[in-house]
């Protein structure tokens, strides 16, 4: 549980931290590409560091997808979700304290929270947000499940998973600020409040649905029966 806490903390701290601190830095900002890489690198490094202990989920949708695919115990789902939420929220709190040291910081700017309609970075609708979060999470699970099978090359799974999350963010940041992770979304929304909490339901329902779909597809169509 502690390893899962640390991994989820690292994901939110590194990913959301890059968005809050480095993305728009004058002239030297890392932009969407840099933030996408930051999220991918957190999962890549976290999977190598903490994966041998906890499996390296760092995401309630991943835990659900793995359980659906028969690769994770259903009885462990609740405890994993709990520590993922605690880890993500702890990271968001530390980021808040860091960001408050900047005179121009304001939670009104969104604090890297996920949203749709007027709170989408590029004005995408609820329908667009729901569809992209579901599809991207489903494919994220298909990648995770595929590269962690016994027939996959040993030792390279974190690389593929990290690159998949990078790709997901390259697509999704302009639409919803990229979630595919209910813990990540919840942690930011808790501090923003208001609209972020009102729209948070989508960033639970769509990623969990995507995780469920990905787990089912792999289990019944792609799994290594051997």
Protein backbone atom coordinates (compact mmCIF):
# COMPACT_ATOMS: atom_id res chain seq x y z
CA UNK A 1 0.00 0.00 0.00
CA UNK A 2 2.84 2.40 0.81
CA UNK A 3 4.48 1.72 -2.56
CA UNK A 4 1.20 2.47 -4.32
CA UNK A 5 0.87 5.68 -2.28
CA UNK A 6 4.36 6.77 -3.28
CA UNK A 7 3.83 5.99 -6.94
CA UNK A 8 0.57 7.91 -7.14
CA UNK A 9 2.12 10.83 -5.26
CA UNK A 10 4.98 10.85 -7.75
CA UNK A 11 2.62 10.77 -10.75
CA UNK A 12 0.56 13.76 -9.58
CA UNK A 13 3.51 15.72 -8.23
CA UNK A 14 5.56 15.28 -11.41
CA UNK A 15 2.77 15.50 -13.95
CA UNK A 16 0.61 18.24 -12.46
CA UNK A 17 3.70 19.97 -11.10
CA UNK A 18 5.10 20.33 -14.61
CA UNK A 19 1.78 21.79 -15.77
CA UNK A 20 1.55 24.26 -12.89
CA UNK A 21 5.19 25.33 -12.65
CA UNK A 22 6.93 24.75 -15.98
CA UNK A 23 4.38 24.65 -18.81
CA UNK A 24 3.94 28.38 -19.28
CA UNK A 25 7.23 29.65 -17.92
CA UNK A 26 8.08 32.76 -20.00
CA UNK A 27 9.98 31.86 -23.18
CA UNK A 28 11.35 28.65 -21.64
CA UNK A 29 8.03 26.93 -20.93
CA UNK A 30 7.80 23.22 -21.68
CA UNK A 31 4.27 23.48 -23.12
CA UNK A 32 1.88 20.61 -23.79
CA UNK A 33 4.66 18.38 -25.09
CA UNK A 34 6.72 18.82 -21.95
CA UNK A 35 3.77 18.16 -19.65
CA UNK A 36 2.89 15.05 -21.65
CA UNK A 37 6.45 13.78 -21.26
CA UNK A 38 6.39 14.57 -17.54
CA UNK A 39 3.32 12.41 -16.98
CA UNK A 40 4.87 9.63 -19.02
CA UNK A 41 8.16 9.86 -17.15
CA UNK A 42 6.47 9.68 -13.76
CA UNK A 43 4.77 6.42 -14.70
CA UNK A 44 7.90 5.04 -16.32
CA UNK A 45 10.13 5.77 -13.33
CA UNK A 46 7.43 4.95 -10.79
CA UNK A 47 6.73 1.59 -12.40
CA UNK A 48 10.40 0.64 -12.20
CA UNK A 49 10.74 1.92 -8.63
CA UNK A 50 7.47 0.81 -7.04
CA UNK A 51 6.00 -1.68 -9.51
CA UNK A 52 7.89 -4.65 -8.08
CA UNK A 53 6.17 -4.02 -4.75
CA UNK A 54 2.62 -2.95 -5.62
CA UNK A 55 2.29 -3.65 -9.34
CA UNK A 56 2.52 0.06 -10.11
CA UNK A 57 -1.12 0.94 -10.81
CA UNK A 58 -1.18 4.55 -9.51
CA UNK A 59 -4.67 4.90 -10.99
CA UNK A 60 -8.12 3.56 -9.93
CA UNK A 61 -9.05 2.89 -13.57
CA UNK A 62 -5.93 0.76 -14.03
CA UNK A 63 -6.72 -1.24 -10.90
CA UNK A 64 -10.28 -1.83 -12.11
CA UNK A 65 -9.11 -2.84 -15.58
CA UNK A 66 -6.59 -5.29 -14.17
CA UNK A 67 -9.22 -6.82 -11.90
CA UNK A 68 -11.63 -7.13 -14.83
CA UNK A 69 -8.95 -8.88 -16.86
CA UNK A 70 -8.36 -11.36 -14.03
CA UNK A 71 -4.92 -9.97 -13.27
CA UNK A 72 -5.69 -8.36 -9.90
CA UNK A 73 -7.70 -9.39 -6.84
CA UNK A 74 -11.12 -7.74 -6.50
CA UNK A 75 -10.75 -7.66 -2.72
CA UNK A 76 -7.68 -5.43 -3.07
CA UNK A 77 -9.51 -2.89 -5.25
CA UNK A 78 -10.92 -0.80 -2.38
CA UNK A 79 -7.62 -0.48 -0.48
CA UNK A 80 -5.76 0.42 -3.69
CA UNK A 81 -8.30 3.10 -4.58
CA UNK A 82 -8.01 4.54 -1.08
CA UNK A 83 -4.23 4.85 -1.07
CA UNK A 84 -4.23 6.16 -4.64
CA UNK A 85 -6.60 8.96 -3.60
CA UNK A 86 -4.53 9.72 -0.51
CA UNK A 87 -1.28 9.78 -2.48
CA UNK A 88 -2.71 12.01 -5.20
CA UNK A 89 -4.26 14.43 -2.69
CA UNK A 90 -1.04 14.63 -0.68
CA UNK A 91 0.85 15.52 -3.85
CA UNK A 92 -1.71 18.18 -4.79
CA UNK A 93 -1.43 19.67 -1.30
CA UNK A 94 2.37 19.90 -1.53
CA UNK A 95 2.06 21.47 -4.98
CA UNK A 96 -0.41 24.00 -3.61
CA UNK A 97 2.03 25.02 -0.88
CA UNK A 98 4.82 25.40 -3.46
CA UNK A 99 2.67 27.37 -5.89
CA UNK A 100 1.47 29.71 -3.16
CA UNK A 101 5.05 30.95 -3.00
CA UNK A 102 4.51 32.64 -6.36
CA UNK A 103 2.87 36.06 -6.11
CA UNK A 104 0.89 35.48 -9.33
CA UNK A 105 -0.59 32.13 -8.30
CA UNK A 106 -4.36 31.76 -7.99
CA UNK A 107 -6.60 28.71 -7.71
CA UNK A 108 -8.97 30.58 -10.01
CA UNK A 109 -6.59 29.70 -12.84
CA UNK A 110 -7.64 26.06 -12.51
CA UNK A 111 -4.74 24.38 -10.66
CA UNK A 112 -4.42 21.84 -13.52
CA UNK A 113 -7.92 20.49 -12.80
CA UNK A 114 -9.81 18.58 -15.47
CA UNK A 115 -12.90 20.03 -17.10
CA UNK A 116 -15.18 20.29 -20.10
CA UNK A 117 -17.29 22.95 -21.85
CA UNK A 118 -16.04 26.33 -20.64
CA UNK A 119 -13.45 24.63 -18.45
CA UNK A 120 -11.93 22.63 -21.30
CA UNK A 121 -8.59 24.16 -22.37
CA UNK A 122 -9.96 24.46 -25.92
CA UNK A 123 -13.71 24.54 -25.31
CA UNK A 124 -14.60 20.88 -25.94
CA UNK A 125 -18.03 19.63 -24.93
CA UNK A 126 -19.06 17.10 -22.31
CA UNK A 127 -19.65 14.53 -25.04
CA UNK A 128 -16.17 15.00 -26.49
CA UNK A 129 -14.62 14.80 -23.04
CA UNK A 130 -16.50 11.63 -22.11
CA UNK A 131 -15.62 9.91 -25.37
CA UNK A 132 -11.92 10.75 -25.35
CA UNK A 133 -11.47 9.81 -21.68
CA UNK A 134 -13.19 6.47 -22.23
CA UNK A 135 -11.34 5.55 -25.42
CA UNK A 136 -7.90 6.62 -24.19
CA UNK A 137 -8.28 4.80 -20.87
CA UNK A 138 -9.41 1.63 -22.65
CA UNK A 139 -6.33 1.67 -24.87
CA UNK A 140 -4.12 2.49 -21.90
CA UNK A 141 -5.33 -0.71 -20.25
CA UNK A 142 -4.80 -2.69 -23.45
CA UNK A 143 -1.19 -1.49 -23.54
CA UNK A 144 -0.64 -2.23 -19.85
CA UNK A 145 -2.16 -5.70 -20.07
CA UNK A 146 -0.35 -6.54 -23.30
CA UNK A 147 3.14 -5.53 -22.23
CA UNK A 148 2.91 -7.19 -18.81
CA UNK A 149 2.01 -10.65 -20.12
CA UNK A 150 4.49 -13.48 -19.85
CA UNK A 151 5.01 -13.57 -23.63
CA UNK A 152 6.02 -9.87 -23.75
CA UNK A 153 9.70 -8.86 -23.66
CA UNK A 154 10.87 -8.84 -20.06
CA UNK A 155 11.84 -5.56 -18.43
CA UNK A 156 10.42 -3.17 -21.02
CA UNK A 157 6.83 -2.81 -19.77
CA UNK A 158 7.37 0.52 -17.94
CA UNK A 159 8.81 2.04 -21.10
CA UNK A 160 5.75 1.16 -23.17
CA UNK A 161 3.36 2.23 -20.42
CA UNK A 162 5.12 5.54 -19.91
CA UNK A 163 5.15 6.28 -23.64
CA UNK A 164 1.46 5.35 -23.87
CA UNK A 165 0.62 7.86 -21.14
CA UNK A 166 2.71 10.47 -22.94
CA UNK A 167 0.73 9.87 -26.13
CA UNK A 168 -2.55 10.05 -24.20
CA UNK A 169 -1.63 13.47 -22.86
CA UNK A 170 -0.53 14.72 -26.26
CA UNK A 171 -4.05 13.98 -27.50
CA UNK A 172 -6.10 14.86 -24.43
CA UNK A 173 -4.60 17.98 -22.81
CA UNK A 174 -6.43 20.39 -25.16
CA UNK A 175 -9.72 18.56 -24.57
CA UNK A 176 -9.95 17.97 -20.81
CA UNK A 177 -6.47 18.76 -19.46
CA UNK A 178 -6.03 14.96 -19.64
CA UNK A 179 -7.22 12.76 -16.82
CA UNK A 180 -7.62 9.01 -17.56
CA UNK A 181 -7.03 8.80 -13.80
CA UNK A 182 -9.78 9.50 -11.25
CA UNK A 183 -7.28 9.94 -8.41
CA UNK A 184 -5.37 12.62 -10.31
CA UNK A 185 -8.62 14.43 -11.14
CA UNK A 186 -9.96 14.23 -7.60
CA UNK A 187 -6.79 15.57 -6.02
CA UNK A 188 -6.87 18.81 -8.02
CA UNK A 189 -10.64 19.24 -7.84
CA UNK A 190 -10.65 19.06 -4.04
CA UNK A 191 -8.58 22.25 -3.84
CA UNK A 192 -10.23 24.11 -6.73
CA UNK A 193 -13.78 23.29 -5.54
CA UNK A 194 -16.79 24.75 -7.34
CA UNK A 195 -16.90 23.83 -11.01
CA UNK A 196 -14.08 21.27 -10.68
CA UNK A 197 -16.03 19.24 -8.12
CA UNK A 198 -19.24 19.59 -10.14
CA UNK A 199 -17.54 18.15 -13.23
CA UNK A 200 -15.49 15.53 -11.37
CA UNK A 201 -18.10 12.81 -11.96
CA UNK A 202 -17.06 12.55 -15.62
CA UNK A 203 -13.44 11.93 -14.67
CA UNK A 204 -14.51 8.98 -12.57
CA UNK A 205 -17.18 7.48 -14.81
CA UNK A 206 -15.38 7.73 -18.17
CA UNK A 207 -11.95 6.42 -17.06
CA UNK A 208 -13.53 3.60 -15.03
CA UNK A 209 -15.69 2.67 -18.01
CA UNK A 210 -12.62 2.74 -20.25
CA UNK A 211 -10.68 0.59 -17.79
CA UNK A 212 -13.55 -1.89 -17.68
CA UNK A 213 -13.75 -2.04 -21.50
CA UNK A 214 -10.00 -2.48 -21.87
CA UNK A 215 -9.95 -5.22 -19.26
CA UNK A 216 -12.80 -7.11 -20.92
CA UNK A 217 -11.33 -6.84 -24.42
CA UNK A 218 -7.99 -8.18 -23.28
CA UNK A 219 -9.47 -10.95 -21.17
CA UNK A 220 -11.74 -12.36 -23.85
CA UNK A 221 -9.94 -11.48 -27.08
CA UNK A 222 -6.24 -10.94 -26.51
CA UNK A 223 -5.09 -12.73 -23.38
CA UNK A 224 -2.37 -15.36 -23.53
CA UNK A 225 -4.30 -18.55 -22.74
CA UNK A 226 -1.07 -20.38 -21.99
